[in-house]
Protein backbone atom coordinates (compact mmCIF):
# COMPACT_ATOMS: atom_id res chain seq x y z
CA MET A 1 -92.14 -48.55 82.40
CA MET A 2 -92.90 -46.11 85.18
CA ARG A 3 -94.82 -43.94 81.90
CA LEU A 4 -97.13 -46.70 81.44
CA LEU A 5 -97.63 -46.98 85.16
CA ALA A 6 -98.07 -43.41 85.72
CA ALA A 7 -100.39 -43.60 83.14
CA PHE A 8 -102.58 -46.59 84.48
CA VAL A 9 -102.78 -44.45 87.61
CA ALA A 10 -103.37 -41.38 86.09
CA LEU A 11 -106.31 -43.00 83.97
CA LEU A 12 -107.70 -44.90 87.38
CA ALA A 13 -108.00 -41.36 88.55
CA LEU A 14 -109.66 -39.55 86.02
CA THR A 15 -112.20 -42.90 86.03
CA ALA A 16 -113.24 -42.70 89.06
CA ALA A 17 -116.63 -42.03 90.73
CA SER A 18 -115.79 -38.13 92.11
CA ALA A 19 -116.35 -36.13 89.18
CA ARG A 20 -113.62 -33.52 90.35
CA ARG A 21 -110.63 -33.29 87.21
CA ILE A 22 -107.43 -34.21 87.95
CA THR A 23 -104.94 -31.65 86.97
CA LYS A 24 -101.77 -31.68 84.52
CA HIS A 25 -100.00 -30.16 88.41
CA GLU A 26 -101.15 -33.56 89.64
CA ILE A 27 -100.07 -36.26 87.15
CA ARG A 28 -96.87 -34.74 87.24
CA GLU A 29 -96.68 -35.16 90.87
CA ARG A 30 -98.10 -38.85 90.81
CA GLN A 31 -95.16 -39.84 88.12
CA LEU A 32 -92.81 -38.02 90.32
CA ASP A 33 -93.65 -40.17 93.61
CA ALA A 34 -94.04 -43.19 91.36
CA ALA A 35 -90.54 -42.74 90.31
CA LYS A 36 -88.81 -42.09 93.53
CA ARG A 37 -90.69 -45.23 94.95
CA TRP A 38 -89.28 -47.41 92.50
CA GLN A 39 -85.73 -45.80 92.43
CA THR A 40 -85.70 -46.52 96.13
CA SER A 41 -87.73 -49.28 96.51
CA GLY A 42 -86.04 -52.95 98.36
CA PRO A 43 -83.38 -54.41 99.41
CA GLN A 44 -81.12 -53.31 96.44
CA ASN A 45 -80.92 -49.28 97.66
CA VAL A 46 -77.85 -48.80 98.68
CA LYS A 47 -74.64 -46.75 97.98
CA SER A 48 -73.60 -48.34 94.89
CA ASN A 49 -70.17 -45.88 95.04
CA GLY A 50 -69.11 -47.49 98.53
CA VAL A 51 -67.05 -50.93 98.34
CA GLN A 52 -66.17 -53.55 100.87
CA ASN A 53 -62.88 -53.60 102.06
CA ILE A 54 -60.80 -55.44 99.30
CA THR A 55 -57.36 -55.34 97.99
CA PHE A 56 -55.30 -57.52 95.80
CA THR A 57 -51.70 -58.35 96.72
CA ASN A 58 -49.89 -59.09 93.21
CA PRO A 59 -48.28 -56.24 92.16
CA LYS A 60 -49.17 -56.32 88.48
CA ALA A 61 -52.85 -55.51 89.75
CA SER A 62 -52.42 -51.78 90.64
CA GLU A 63 -51.69 -51.32 86.38
CA PHE A 64 -55.02 -52.00 86.21
CA TYR A 65 -56.58 -50.01 88.83
CA ILE A 66 -59.36 -47.20 88.36
CA ASP A 67 -59.80 -44.44 90.76
CA GLY A 68 -63.55 -43.91 90.66
CA ARG A 69 -63.29 -40.26 90.65
CA SER A 70 -61.30 -40.29 87.29
CA LEU A 71 -64.01 -41.71 84.70
CA PRO A 72 -64.87 -38.62 82.46
CA LEU A 73 -68.16 -37.18 82.25
CA VAL A 74 -68.92 -39.03 85.33
CA ASP A 75 -69.51 -36.48 88.12
CA PHE A 76 -69.76 -38.81 91.20
CA ASP A 77 -67.14 -41.48 92.56
CA VAL A 78 -68.01 -44.63 91.15
CA GLY A 79 -66.04 -46.28 93.35
CA PRO A 80 -62.81 -48.48 92.66
CA SER A 81 -62.22 -50.98 89.71
CA TRP A 82 -59.64 -52.60 87.55
CA ALA A 83 -59.98 -53.03 83.58
CA GLY A 84 -57.09 -53.38 81.14
CA LEU A 85 -56.42 -56.02 78.25
CA LEU A 86 -54.78 -59.84 79.30
CA PRO A 87 -54.14 -62.73 77.17
CA ILE A 88 -55.95 -65.69 77.07
CA SER A 89 -53.24 -68.15 77.40
CA ASN A 90 -49.87 -67.40 79.29
CA SER A 91 -47.95 -68.51 76.22
CA PRO A 92 -45.41 -65.42 75.74
CA ASN A 93 -46.45 -65.81 71.56
CA GLU A 94 -49.80 -64.91 72.06
CA THR A 95 -51.42 -61.86 71.44
CA ARG A 96 -54.97 -62.58 71.33
CA GLN A 97 -56.29 -60.30 74.43
CA LEU A 98 -59.83 -60.08 76.02
CA PHE A 99 -60.55 -56.44 78.00
CA PHE A 100 -62.15 -56.39 81.26
CA TRP A 101 -63.73 -54.28 83.71
CA PHE A 102 -64.17 -55.39 87.57
CA PHE A 103 -66.07 -54.55 90.08
CA PRO A 104 -65.91 -55.44 93.90
CA PRO A 105 -69.22 -55.32 95.92
CA GLY A 106 -70.60 -52.86 97.49
CA PRO A 107 -71.49 -52.33 101.16
CA GLN A 108 -73.87 -55.38 101.10
CA GLY A 109 -72.83 -57.32 98.50
CA SER A 110 -71.34 -60.81 98.87
CA LEU A 111 -66.99 -61.34 99.34
CA ASP A 112 -67.96 -64.91 98.50
CA ASP A 113 -69.35 -64.51 94.98
CA LEU A 114 -68.38 -63.27 91.53
CA ILE A 115 -71.06 -62.52 88.77
CA PHE A 116 -69.50 -63.17 85.16
CA TRP A 117 -71.38 -61.27 82.26
CA THR A 118 -71.41 -60.98 78.51
CA ASN A 119 -73.25 -59.59 75.88
CA GLY A 120 -74.32 -61.31 72.75
CA GLY A 121 -74.30 -60.50 68.77
CA PRO A 122 -72.26 -62.32 68.46
CA GLY A 123 -69.43 -59.99 68.84
CA CYS A 124 -71.47 -57.12 71.21
CA SER A 125 -69.80 -55.58 73.78
CA SER A 126 -70.31 -56.74 77.35
CA LEU A 127 -69.37 -52.94 77.87
CA GLU A 128 -72.86 -52.74 76.88
CA GLY A 129 -74.14 -54.33 79.36
CA LEU A 130 -71.89 -52.28 82.26
CA LEU A 131 -73.30 -49.24 81.36
CA GLN A 132 -76.10 -49.52 80.14
CA GLU A 133 -77.93 -52.36 82.01
CA ASN A 134 -76.52 -53.67 85.74
CA GLY A 135 -72.95 -51.50 86.24
CA PRO A 136 -72.94 -49.37 89.62
CA PHE A 137 -73.41 -46.42 87.00
CA SER A 138 -75.93 -46.45 84.02
CA TRP A 139 -75.93 -43.98 80.93
CA SER A 140 -78.71 -45.51 79.15
CA TRP A 141 -81.27 -44.04 76.06
CA GLY A 142 -81.98 -40.60 76.43
CA GLN A 143 -80.18 -40.32 79.66
CA ALA A 144 -78.54 -36.71 79.42
CA LYS A 145 -75.57 -38.13 81.64
CA PRO A 146 -75.10 -41.07 83.63
CA THR A 147 -76.31 -41.26 87.45
CA VAL A 148 -75.78 -43.91 90.32
CA ASN A 149 -77.63 -47.21 89.37
CA GLN A 150 -79.44 -48.27 92.02
CA GLN A 151 -80.09 -52.12 90.88
CA SER A 152 -76.39 -52.82 90.33
CA TRP A 153 -75.56 -56.37 90.19
CA THR A 154 -72.38 -54.68 92.95
CA ASN A 155 -74.86 -54.62 95.12
CA LEU A 156 -75.10 -58.12 95.25
CA SER A 157 -71.54 -59.58 94.62
CA SER A 158 -68.28 -58.71 92.60
CA VAL A 159 -68.88 -58.47 89.02
CA LEU A 160 -66.64 -59.06 85.89
CA TRP A 161 -67.57 -58.12 82.82
CA VAL A 162 -65.79 -59.26 79.66
CA GLU A 163 -65.41 -58.56 76.11
CA GLN A 164 -65.96 -61.76 74.23
CA PRO A 165 -64.95 -63.73 72.04
CA VAL A 166 -62.04 -62.24 70.39
CA GLY A 167 -62.74 -59.42 67.66
CA THR A 168 -65.11 -58.01 70.37
CA GLY A 169 -65.40 -54.15 71.48
CA PHE A 170 -61.06 -53.46 72.89
CA SER A 171 -60.47 -56.60 72.85
CA GLN A 172 -57.08 -57.88 70.90
CA GLY A 173 -55.55 -59.96 68.14
CA ILE A 174 -57.14 -61.50 64.92
CA PRO A 175 -60.49 -63.55 65.34
CA ASN A 176 -59.78 -67.48 64.75
CA ALA A 177 -63.08 -69.19 66.76
CA GLN A 178 -64.28 -71.74 64.67
CA ASN A 179 -67.12 -72.93 66.96
CA GLU A 180 -68.13 -72.57 71.20
CA ASP A 181 -65.57 -74.85 71.84
CA ASP A 182 -62.72 -72.43 71.22
CA VAL A 183 -64.75 -69.76 72.58
CA ALA A 184 -65.05 -71.61 75.77
CA THR A 185 -61.47 -72.34 75.40
CA GLN A 186 -60.01 -68.71 75.03
CA LEU A 187 -62.17 -67.42 77.72
CA VAL A 188 -60.97 -70.36 80.37
CA GLY A 189 -57.60 -69.44 79.06
CA PHE A 190 -58.14 -65.72 80.01
CA MET A 191 -59.38 -66.39 83.69
CA GLN A 192 -56.74 -68.62 84.33
CA GLN A 193 -54.25 -65.21 83.56
CA PHE A 194 -57.33 -63.28 85.40
CA LEU A 195 -56.82 -65.14 88.72
CA ASP A 196 -53.28 -64.95 88.49
CA ILE A 197 -53.21 -61.60 88.92
CA PHE A 198 -56.42 -61.11 90.98
CA SER A 199 -55.58 -64.35 93.07
CA GLU A 200 -57.78 -63.46 96.05
CA LEU A 201 -60.90 -64.17 93.85
CA LYS A 202 -59.55 -67.87 93.69
CA GLY A 203 -62.21 -70.09 95.11
CA LYS A 204 -65.45 -67.86 94.33
CA LYS A 205 -68.50 -69.09 93.96
CA LEU A 206 -69.40 -68.20 90.06
CA TYR A 207 -72.19 -67.58 88.33
CA LEU A 208 -72.23 -67.06 84.42
CA ALA A 209 -74.93 -64.52 83.05
CA GLY A 210 -75.27 -63.33 79.62
CA GLU A 211 -78.09 -62.42 77.14
CA SER A 212 -79.10 -62.35 73.69
CA TYR A 213 -76.12 -65.05 71.77
CA ALA A 214 -74.74 -65.50 75.50
CA GLY A 215 -77.61 -67.93 75.09
CA THR A 216 -74.96 -70.25 73.19
CA TYR A 217 -71.59 -68.75 75.25
CA VAL A 218 -73.10 -69.34 78.32
CA PRO A 219 -74.21 -72.87 78.79
CA CYS A 220 -70.94 -73.91 76.75
CA GLU A 221 -68.56 -72.21 78.23
CA SER A 222 -70.21 -73.23 81.89
CA ALA A 223 -70.25 -76.88 80.65
CA VAL A 224 -66.43 -76.74 80.50
CA ILE A 225 -65.90 -76.43 84.19
CA PHE A 226 -68.32 -79.37 85.10
CA VAL A 227 -66.59 -82.35 83.61
CA GLU A 228 -63.71 -83.97 83.90
CA HIS A 229 -60.70 -82.84 81.96
CA ASN A 230 -59.93 -84.00 78.08
CA SER A 231 -63.89 -85.33 77.71
CA LYS A 232 -64.81 -85.98 74.55
CA THR A 233 -66.74 -82.79 73.63
CA ASN A 234 -66.46 -79.18 75.37
CA GLU A 235 -68.86 -76.92 73.67
CA ASP A 236 -69.96 -73.16 75.52
CA ILE A 237 -68.14 -71.38 78.49
CA ALA A 238 -70.22 -72.93 81.18
CA ASN A 239 -70.29 -76.35 79.55
CA TYR A 240 -66.05 -76.73 79.17
CA ILE A 241 -65.87 -75.30 82.73
CA TYR A 242 -67.97 -77.80 84.20
CA GLU A 243 -66.04 -80.54 82.21
CA ASN A 244 -62.82 -79.47 83.20
CA PRO A 245 -62.97 -78.19 86.85
CA THR A 246 -59.62 -78.43 87.59
CA GLN A 247 -58.53 -75.48 84.90
CA LEU A 248 -60.06 -72.84 86.94
CA ASP A 249 -60.43 -72.10 90.87
CA LEU A 250 -63.61 -71.01 90.79
CA SER A 251 -66.73 -73.10 92.32
CA LEU A 252 -69.69 -72.77 89.04
CA GLN A 253 -73.03 -72.62 90.30
CA GLY A 254 -75.04 -71.77 88.37
CA ILE A 255 -76.15 -69.48 85.12
CA TRP A 256 -78.22 -67.03 83.77
CA ILE A 257 -79.31 -66.57 80.53
CA ASN A 258 -81.84 -63.82 79.45
CA ASP A 259 -83.81 -63.94 75.58
CA PRO A 260 -81.07 -65.99 74.90
CA TYR A 261 -80.49 -67.71 71.52
CA ILE A 262 -80.45 -71.58 72.41
CA SER A 263 -82.49 -73.43 69.37
CA TRP A 264 -82.65 -72.26 65.71
CA TRP A 265 -82.83 -68.63 64.07
CA VAL A 266 -86.21 -70.44 62.79
CA VAL A 267 -87.35 -71.73 66.20
CA GLN A 268 -86.92 -68.55 67.73
CA GLN A 269 -88.00 -65.79 64.98
CA GLN A 270 -90.20 -67.06 62.17
CA ILE A 271 -92.29 -69.90 63.85
CA PRO A 272 -93.67 -67.51 66.70
CA ALA A 273 -93.78 -64.46 64.47
CA VAL A 274 -97.48 -63.96 63.48
CA ASP A 275 -98.75 -64.53 66.94
CA PHE A 276 -96.27 -62.06 68.43
CA VAL A 277 -97.87 -59.84 65.90
CA LYS A 278 -101.48 -60.86 66.57
CA LYS A 279 -100.37 -60.38 70.22
CA HIS A 280 -99.59 -56.72 69.97
CA ALA A 281 -101.71 -55.59 66.61
CA THR A 282 -102.39 -52.56 67.98
CA LEU A 283 -98.97 -51.47 67.97
CA PHE A 284 -98.03 -52.71 64.66
CA SER A 285 -100.98 -51.50 63.20
CA PHE A 286 -101.11 -53.75 60.18
CA SER A 287 -103.50 -53.53 57.48
CA GLN A 288 -105.93 -56.49 56.94
CA THR A 289 -104.74 -57.31 53.94
CA PHE A 290 -101.14 -57.27 55.32
CA MET A 291 -102.09 -59.91 58.22
CA ASN A 292 -104.17 -61.79 55.55
CA TYR A 293 -100.48 -62.58 53.84
CA LEU A 294 -99.29 -63.27 56.64
CA GLU A 295 -101.36 -65.65 57.65
CA GLU A 296 -101.36 -67.26 54.39
CA LYS A 297 -97.86 -67.07 54.16
CA ALA A 298 -97.26 -69.26 57.77
CA ALA A 299 -99.99 -71.58 57.17
CA THR A 300 -97.94 -72.62 53.51
CA CYS A 301 -94.70 -72.72 55.92
CA ASN A 302 -96.28 -75.00 58.93
CA TYR A 303 -95.84 -71.92 61.10
CA THR A 304 -100.04 -71.58 61.81
CA GLY A 305 -100.57 -73.45 64.90
CA TYR A 306 -97.56 -74.73 66.16
CA MET A 307 -97.84 -73.48 69.46
CA ASP A 308 -100.93 -74.82 70.40
CA LYS A 309 -100.23 -78.08 69.14
CA TYR A 310 -97.06 -79.02 69.90
CA VAL A 311 -96.26 -76.88 73.05
CA ILE A 312 -98.17 -78.71 75.57
CA TYR A 313 -97.52 -79.62 79.04
CA PRO A 314 -96.02 -81.93 79.33
CA PRO A 315 -95.22 -82.35 75.77
CA ALA A 316 -96.51 -85.64 74.07
CA GLY A 317 -93.12 -86.36 72.34
CA LEU A 318 -89.90 -84.68 70.72
CA LEU A 319 -91.25 -81.33 68.65
CA PRO A 320 -91.04 -81.25 64.92
CA LEU A 321 -87.99 -78.62 64.28
CA PRO A 322 -87.36 -77.12 61.11
CA GLY A 323 -83.83 -77.17 61.33
CA ASP A 324 -81.56 -74.31 61.07
CA SER A 325 -82.17 -72.50 57.92
CA VAL A 326 -85.64 -70.63 56.70
CA SER A 327 -87.35 -72.40 53.91
CA GLU A 328 -87.02 -70.40 50.70
CA GLY A 329 -90.65 -67.65 50.91
CA CYS A 330 -91.03 -68.05 54.83
CA ASP A 331 -88.97 -65.16 56.17
CA ILE A 332 -92.08 -63.89 57.75
CA TRP A 333 -90.08 -62.64 60.54
CA ASP A 334 -88.12 -60.10 57.75
CA ASP A 335 -91.40 -59.44 56.33
CA ILE A 336 -92.58 -57.90 59.70
CA PHE A 337 -89.85 -56.00 60.78
CA SER A 338 -89.35 -54.52 57.14
CA ASN A 339 -93.47 -53.23 56.68
CA ALA A 340 -93.04 -52.13 60.56
CA LEU A 341 -90.32 -50.01 59.83
CA ILE A 342 -93.01 -48.16 57.03
CA ILE A 343 -95.70 -47.48 59.57
CA ASN A 344 -93.04 -46.55 62.83
CA PRO A 345 -89.65 -45.70 61.29
CA ALA A 346 -88.49 -45.76 64.59
CA PHE A 347 -89.56 -49.18 65.01
CA ASN A 348 -87.81 -50.81 67.59
CA ILE A 349 -87.27 -54.71 67.43
CA TYR A 350 -85.42 -54.90 70.96
CA ARG A 351 -88.46 -53.30 72.53
CA VAL A 352 -91.93 -53.17 69.99
CA TRP A 353 -93.46 -50.19 71.43
CA ASP A 354 -90.73 -47.80 70.76
CA THR A 355 -91.86 -44.87 68.87
CA TYR A 356 -90.52 -41.33 68.15
CA PRO A 357 -88.24 -39.23 69.01
CA ILE A 358 -85.49 -41.90 68.61
CA LEU A 359 -83.28 -41.75 71.88
CA TRP A 360 -80.01 -40.52 72.13
CA ASP A 361 -77.55 -42.80 72.53
CA VAL A 362 -74.12 -42.25 74.56
CA LEU A 363 -72.89 -45.89 72.51
CA GLY A 364 -74.21 -45.07 69.33
CA PHE A 365 -76.66 -48.02 69.07
CA LEU A 366 -79.71 -46.19 68.16
CA SER A 367 -78.23 -43.01 67.04
CA GLN A 368 -74.69 -42.52 66.03
CA GLU A 369 -73.41 -40.15 67.89
CA SER A 370 -69.26 -38.33 67.86
CA PRO A 371 -67.58 -39.24 69.95
CA ILE A 372 -69.42 -42.68 71.22
CA TYR A 373 -68.34 -42.37 75.17
CA PHE A 374 -65.91 -45.59 74.98
CA ASN A 375 -64.25 -44.13 71.57
CA ARG A 376 -63.38 -40.87 73.72
CA THR A 377 -59.24 -40.87 73.99
CA ASP A 378 -59.75 -39.59 78.15
CA VAL A 379 -62.30 -42.65 78.81
CA LYS A 380 -59.79 -44.85 76.88
CA GLU A 381 -56.82 -43.93 79.10
CA ALA A 382 -58.68 -43.99 82.32
CA ILE A 383 -59.92 -47.31 81.55
CA HIS A 384 -56.24 -48.42 80.38
CA ALA A 385 -58.06 -49.47 76.90
CA PRO A 386 -55.85 -49.12 73.80
CA VAL A 387 -56.42 -45.66 72.42
CA ASP A 388 -55.82 -46.76 68.62
CA THR A 389 -58.53 -49.36 68.75
CA GLU A 390 -62.08 -48.06 67.25
CA TRP A 391 -65.27 -49.19 69.90
CA LEU A 392 -68.06 -50.93 68.07
CA GLU A 393 -71.12 -51.77 70.68
CA CYS A 394 -71.18 -54.54 67.78
CA THR A 395 -68.15 -55.45 65.68
CA ASN A 396 -68.60 -54.83 61.96
CA THR A 397 -66.03 -58.28 61.46
CA ASN A 398 -66.64 -61.69 62.19
CA VAL A 399 -65.51 -62.79 65.47
CA PHE A 400 -65.61 -66.86 64.33
CA LEU A 401 -63.49 -67.60 61.76
CA ASN A 402 -66.70 -68.36 59.14
CA GLU A 403 -69.70 -69.02 60.96
CA ASP A 404 -70.31 -70.63 64.42
CA SER A 405 -70.07 -74.26 63.75
CA SER A 406 -71.82 -75.31 66.74
CA LEU A 407 -75.45 -76.40 67.07
CA PRO A 408 -77.48 -74.73 69.38
CA PRO A 409 -76.84 -75.51 73.12
CA ALA A 410 -80.37 -76.57 74.17
CA LEU A 411 -80.24 -79.52 71.46
CA THR A 412 -76.42 -80.03 73.17
CA VAL A 413 -75.50 -78.86 76.67
CA LEU A 414 -77.76 -76.96 77.90
CA PRO A 415 -79.35 -79.94 79.46
CA SER A 416 -76.16 -80.90 80.84
CA VAL A 417 -75.74 -77.65 82.61
CA ILE A 418 -78.80 -77.38 83.88
CA GLU A 419 -78.32 -80.65 85.97
CA LYS A 420 -74.65 -79.75 87.42
CA SER A 421 -75.96 -76.59 88.25
CA GLN A 422 -77.40 -75.68 91.50
CA ARG A 423 -79.61 -73.60 89.46
CA THR A 424 -80.48 -71.89 86.04
CA VAL A 425 -82.59 -69.32 85.05
CA ILE A 426 -83.62 -68.14 81.82
CA VAL A 427 -85.49 -64.56 81.37
CA HIS A 428 -87.28 -63.65 78.51
CA GLY A 429 -88.61 -60.07 78.09
CA LEU A 430 -91.73 -60.34 76.26
CA ALA A 431 -91.79 -57.22 74.38
CA ASP A 432 -88.70 -58.37 72.30
CA PHE A 433 -89.21 -59.36 68.63
CA VAL A 434 -85.26 -60.09 68.09
CA LEU A 435 -86.18 -63.33 69.83
CA ILE A 436 -89.39 -64.34 71.12
CA ALA A 437 -90.93 -65.53 74.06
CA ASP A 438 -92.92 -68.18 72.10
CA GLY A 439 -89.78 -69.40 70.79
CA THR A 440 -87.71 -69.68 74.01
CA ARG A 441 -90.63 -71.82 75.18
CA ILE A 442 -90.56 -74.18 71.79
CA ALA A 443 -86.91 -74.78 72.81
CA ILE A 444 -87.39 -75.77 76.33
CA GLN A 445 -90.43 -77.86 75.79
CA ASN A 446 -88.15 -79.85 73.12
CA MET A 447 -85.48 -80.61 75.51
CA THR A 448 -84.96 -83.09 78.33
CA TRP A 449 -82.99 -82.73 81.35
CA ASN A 450 -82.96 -84.25 84.62
CA GLY A 451 -85.12 -87.18 83.47
CA LEU A 452 -87.84 -85.73 81.86
CA GLN A 453 -88.51 -83.82 78.66
CA GLY A 454 -90.04 -80.17 79.15
CA PHE A 455 -91.89 -78.71 81.71
CA GLN A 456 -94.95 -81.20 83.00
CA THR A 457 -96.92 -78.66 84.22
CA PRO A 458 -98.19 -75.22 82.09
CA ILE A 459 -96.28 -71.82 82.76
CA ALA A 460 -98.35 -69.13 82.93
CA ASN A 461 -100.27 -70.71 85.92
CA ASP A 462 -97.03 -68.86 88.29
CA SER A 463 -97.50 -65.21 88.66
CA PHE A 464 -93.92 -63.41 88.94
CA ILE A 465 -94.06 -60.91 91.92
CA VAL A 466 -91.26 -58.22 91.82
CA ASP A 467 -90.93 -56.14 95.32
CA GLY A 468 -92.88 -53.41 95.36
CA VAL A 469 -94.45 -53.52 91.80
CA GLY A 470 -96.85 -57.33 92.04
CA ALA A 471 -97.22 -59.35 89.43
CA TYR A 472 -95.05 -58.66 86.51
CA GLY A 473 -95.04 -61.60 84.44
CA THR A 474 -95.04 -65.31 84.71
CA MET A 475 -92.27 -67.80 85.98
CA HIS A 476 -92.45 -71.29 86.33
CA SER A 477 -89.34 -74.05 87.70
CA GLU A 478 -88.67 -77.56 87.89
CA ARG A 479 -85.77 -79.55 88.04
CA GLY A 480 -83.62 -76.80 88.55
CA LEU A 481 -84.48 -74.79 85.65
CA THR A 482 -86.40 -71.36 86.33
CA TYR A 483 -88.05 -69.72 83.41
CA TYR A 484 -89.16 -66.05 83.68
CA GLU A 485 -91.16 -63.85 81.19
CA VAL A 486 -91.10 -60.39 82.43
CA ALA A 487 -93.52 -58.42 81.26
CA LEU A 488 -93.18 -54.79 80.53
CA SER A 489 -89.49 -55.14 79.05
CA GLY A 490 -87.65 -55.80 75.67
CA HIS A 491 -84.63 -57.70 74.42
CA MET A 492 -81.97 -56.05 77.26
CA LEU A 493 -83.40 -57.25 80.26
CA PRO A 494 -81.58 -55.41 83.23
CA GLN A 495 -81.90 -52.34 81.21
CA PHE A 496 -85.72 -52.46 80.49
CA ALA A 497 -86.52 -53.70 83.99
CA PRO A 498 -84.00 -53.60 86.36
CA VAL A 499 -85.68 -54.11 89.64
CA ALA A 500 -87.05 -57.44 87.90
CA ALA A 501 -83.60 -58.64 86.86
CA PHE A 502 -81.97 -57.62 90.27
CA GLN A 503 -84.77 -60.16 92.17
CA ILE A 504 -84.24 -62.62 89.79
CA MET A 505 -80.36 -62.65 90.54
CA GLN A 506 -80.87 -62.83 93.90
CA TYR A 507 -82.79 -65.95 93.29
CA LEU A 508 -80.25 -67.57 90.91
CA MET A 509 -77.58 -66.92 93.58
CA GLY A 510 -79.97 -68.45 96.85
CA PHE A 511 -80.18 -65.01 98.56
CA ARG A 512 -83.65 -65.37 98.11
CA ASP A 513 -86.98 -67.96 97.77
CA ALA A 514 -88.42 -68.16 94.21
CA PRO A 515 -91.62 -65.49 94.20
């Protein structure tokens, strides 16, 4: 983002009326000035290693305490935190445990709120979110060492990162979940054990947040909290919480899902794939012959013109969705991905403009490093993780007994969660090719909540204004749902657009009005 902004500034200078040629030194100085402004702008600029006074009276809490000066390879104090394993139920025979890492709020954060964060996958660790997206210290792609994260969500409130479902990251036990109902039940069981120990967090306002496949986890888990116990069906974390309000002493306010899996894969990958390539033609650089092939295939598979015909405002009726499987010969997305790698072997489906060099990644996702940070014995010991567990950012095993048998949340529980929430935000990075923004638009326009189907007026009419930056994409809000599309961001939105992500979370929590 900074490079693109700096390049734009330099281009303006070079084409200005003045004939003076700008020097490389001046360009570099402007880049450094822009970086400094970006890092220190806005109300989120606080010392992240300072925290508000928070204590836990249960003696067991001390077993999870982490001294913020003790983290290996981190040369600054990240502040106190608590981490470790807790079971998913209070049964004495329970062997399944989820790993968590909890940070209290920074000096300007709220003591009345709690953000829960989960990554997706399924089976990808939320410690990736903590270390490279929205935690108090950041060790992102290409960084030689960790730095203070000025846009940490701990500058808003307490944050709880949980590795779930069972089988993810450091979490222990044999995965046996068959659907989102099981995942939600296990997560809520874990939260009960967590609140028994950290009882001072009871009664807080809760915000469930996550990305990618967490677009399925979070709505379903939320819905459970909202509705009466013993309801007919409990799917996903939010749904489970909404449907079982007496099971957790927390007041669920709303949810955040970014670049979310909420509909069928064919909807969110296949249908919008060719249009995505056309929008980013210079990045893909496909030959006209291959583009003709893609066009013919899209027409045969009835993908051509889908957005123009069906994704209208307001919708004319339910959209024709092709179902949960890709028809034979219609896997256009994979054709594009395979050929993009031929032209650009460093092609990154999570942020499509990446090229060589492939950035060094301390978590081993982009480039395998030894040891991966969370596989260091001293790191495991410092955060109370099991030292004999090999940590992977995304597990090689299936966290579901077979496959997730649940229907996508946009077709089931998400409308109900929106109706029960104070606010719901769906956010999408426009450089994401894993889950494409137009696919999310399809899912939204096919969904009925609060008495109407889809958005009634076009999304593109509203700019998303970021403090200190300006227009940074589009946003639209109707009937309790606010949708953001963020320019210059890929799949991991708090990592790629941290200032925008921080501001959107402020809106979800009611700390600011919509732009």
